[in-house]
Amino acid sequence: FAFNSCPLRRIPQRYVIGTSTRISLGNFKLPKHFNDDYFKKNKKCVKRTVKRKEGDDIFATKKEKYVPSEQRKTDQKTVDEAVIKAIGARPDKKVLRGYLKAAFGLRSSQYP
């Protein structure tokens, strides 16, 4: 999150391009609570259809905005600290920081 503002989440492999760049985190261990349930989508934020009676205002209900819990915020800080520390120990840290901050995308006719 510190470099590219992408929060801690699972990303499908089809949206990730593998490179030869590796970052050694040393003896950093992920906490045990990072499992499938941790990364599931919040049910309150899912848009659902609501049957309304005639005459009801369709704009009366607002979609509830997602706010990360304190647990997620501390987990994000923990992972960010380990990554920043590992990148800071590398000799090519300036280049790697720029690489991680750069926006990247492919168009329909481009292949990785």
Protein backbone atom coordinates (compact mmCIF):
# COMPACT_ATOMS: atom_id res chain seq x y z
CA PHE A 1 0.00 0.00 0.00
CA ALA A 2 2.90 2.34 0.73
CA PHE A 3 4.15 2.27 -2.86
CA ASN A 4 1.19 1.74 -5.17
CA SER A 5 -1.86 2.33 -2.92
CA CYS A 6 -3.12 -1.21 -3.47
CA PRO A 7 -4.58 -2.57 -0.23
CA LEU A 8 -3.84 -6.01 1.14
CA ARG A 9 -6.06 -8.32 -0.90
CA ARG A 10 -6.03 -11.38 -3.08
CA ILE A 11 -5.52 -10.69 -6.74
CA PRO A 12 -6.44 -13.22 -9.43
CA GLN A 13 -3.44 -14.59 -11.34
CA ARG A 14 -4.81 -13.38 -14.65
CA TYR A 15 -4.21 -9.78 -13.50
CA VAL A 16 -0.62 -10.34 -12.36
CA ILE A 17 2.47 -10.51 -14.55
CA GLY A 18 5.34 -12.51 -13.17
CA THR A 19 8.79 -10.94 -13.29
CA SER A 20 12.25 -12.02 -12.20
CA THR A 21 12.26 -9.40 -9.42
CA ARG A 22 12.24 -10.97 -5.96
CA ILE A 23 12.10 -9.30 -2.55
CA SER A 24 13.41 -11.35 0.36
CA LEU A 25 11.39 -10.64 3.50
CA GLY A 26 13.78 -12.61 5.71
CA ASN A 27 12.07 -14.25 8.66
CA PHE A 28 8.73 -12.44 8.25
CA LYS A 29 5.77 -14.76 8.83
CA LEU A 30 2.19 -14.01 7.87
CA PRO A 31 -0.23 -14.12 10.79
CA LYS A 32 -2.44 -17.20 11.10
CA HIS A 33 -5.65 -15.22 10.57
CA PHE A 34 -4.83 -14.59 6.88
CA ASN A 35 -7.10 -17.25 5.43
CA ASP A 36 -9.98 -17.50 2.97
CA ASP A 37 -12.46 -15.91 5.37
CA TYR A 38 -10.21 -12.88 5.89
CA PHE A 39 -10.29 -12.03 2.17
CA LYS A 40 -13.99 -12.68 1.54
CA LYS A 41 -16.06 -9.76 0.34
CA ASN A 42 -18.06 -7.87 2.94
CA LYS A 43 -21.73 -8.81 2.51
CA LYS A 44 -22.92 -5.33 3.49
CA CYS A 45 -21.19 -3.73 0.51
CA VAL A 46 -22.68 -6.02 -2.12
CA LYS A 47 -25.31 -4.30 -4.20
CA ARG A 48 -28.66 -6.07 -3.92
CA THR A 49 -31.93 -5.48 -5.59
CA VAL A 50 -34.66 -4.28 -3.31
CA LYS A 51 -38.32 -4.64 -4.16
CA ARG A 52 -40.06 -1.37 -3.53
CA LYS A 53 -43.70 -0.54 -3.32
CA GLU A 54 -45.14 1.86 -5.82
CA GLY A 55 -44.68 5.44 -4.76
CA ASP A 56 -41.47 4.77 -2.78
CA ASP A 57 -38.54 7.01 -3.55
CA ILE A 58 -35.91 5.00 -5.43
CA PHE A 59 -33.15 7.29 -4.21
CA ALA A 60 -34.08 6.99 -0.52
CA THR A 61 -31.71 4.12 0.22
CA LYS A 62 -27.98 4.73 0.03
CA LYS A 63 -25.36 2.09 -0.60
CA GLU A 64 -23.29 1.51 2.52
CA LYS A 65 -19.67 2.55 2.02
CA TYR A 66 -16.92 0.09 2.92
CA VAL A 67 -14.70 1.13 5.82
CA PRO A 68 -11.77 -1.14 6.72
CA SER A 69 -11.68 -2.44 10.28
CA GLU A 70 -8.91 -1.63 12.72
CA GLN A 71 -7.62 -5.21 12.34
CA ARG A 72 -7.19 -4.73 8.59
CA LYS A 73 -5.42 -1.41 9.13
CA THR A 74 -2.91 -2.92 11.55
CA ASP A 75 -2.37 -5.91 9.24
CA GLN A 76 -1.68 -3.54 6.36
CA LYS A 77 0.85 -1.59 8.44
CA THR A 78 2.59 -4.81 9.51
CA VAL A 79 2.99 -6.06 5.94
CA ASP A 80 4.02 -2.62 4.66
CA GLU A 81 6.73 -2.30 7.31
CA ALA A 82 8.23 -5.66 6.33
CA VAL A 83 8.20 -4.81 2.60
CA ILE A 84 9.65 -1.31 3.12
CA LYS A 85 12.40 -2.72 5.34
CA ALA A 86 13.26 -5.41 2.77
CA ILE A 87 13.35 -2.92 -0.11
CA GLY A 88 15.46 -0.48 1.92
CA ALA A 89 18.13 -3.16 2.41
CA ARG A 90 18.61 -3.67 -1.35
CA PRO A 91 21.31 -1.78 -3.30
CA ASP A 92 18.83 -0.93 -6.09
CA LYS A 93 16.18 0.44 -3.74
CA LYS A 94 15.53 3.68 -5.68
CA VAL A 95 14.94 1.84 -8.94
CA LEU A 96 12.73 -0.76 -7.23
CA ARG A 97 10.61 1.90 -5.52
CA GLY A 98 10.03 3.61 -8.87
CA TYR A 99 9.21 0.24 -10.44
CA LEU A 100 6.59 -0.51 -7.78
CA LYS A 101 5.03 2.96 -7.99
CA ALA A 102 4.70 2.91 -11.79
CA ALA A 103 1.26 2.24 -13.26
CA PHE A 104 1.20 -0.71 -15.59
CA GLY A 105 -1.40 -2.02 -18.00
CA LEU A 106 -1.79 -3.99 -21.18
CA ARG A 107 -4.16 -3.30 -24.04
CA SER A 108 -6.14 -5.85 -25.96
CA SER A 109 -3.49 -6.56 -28.60
CA GLN A 110 -0.49 -6.51 -26.23
CA TYR A 111 0.86 -9.65 -24.58
CA PRO A 112 3.09 -9.90 -21.53
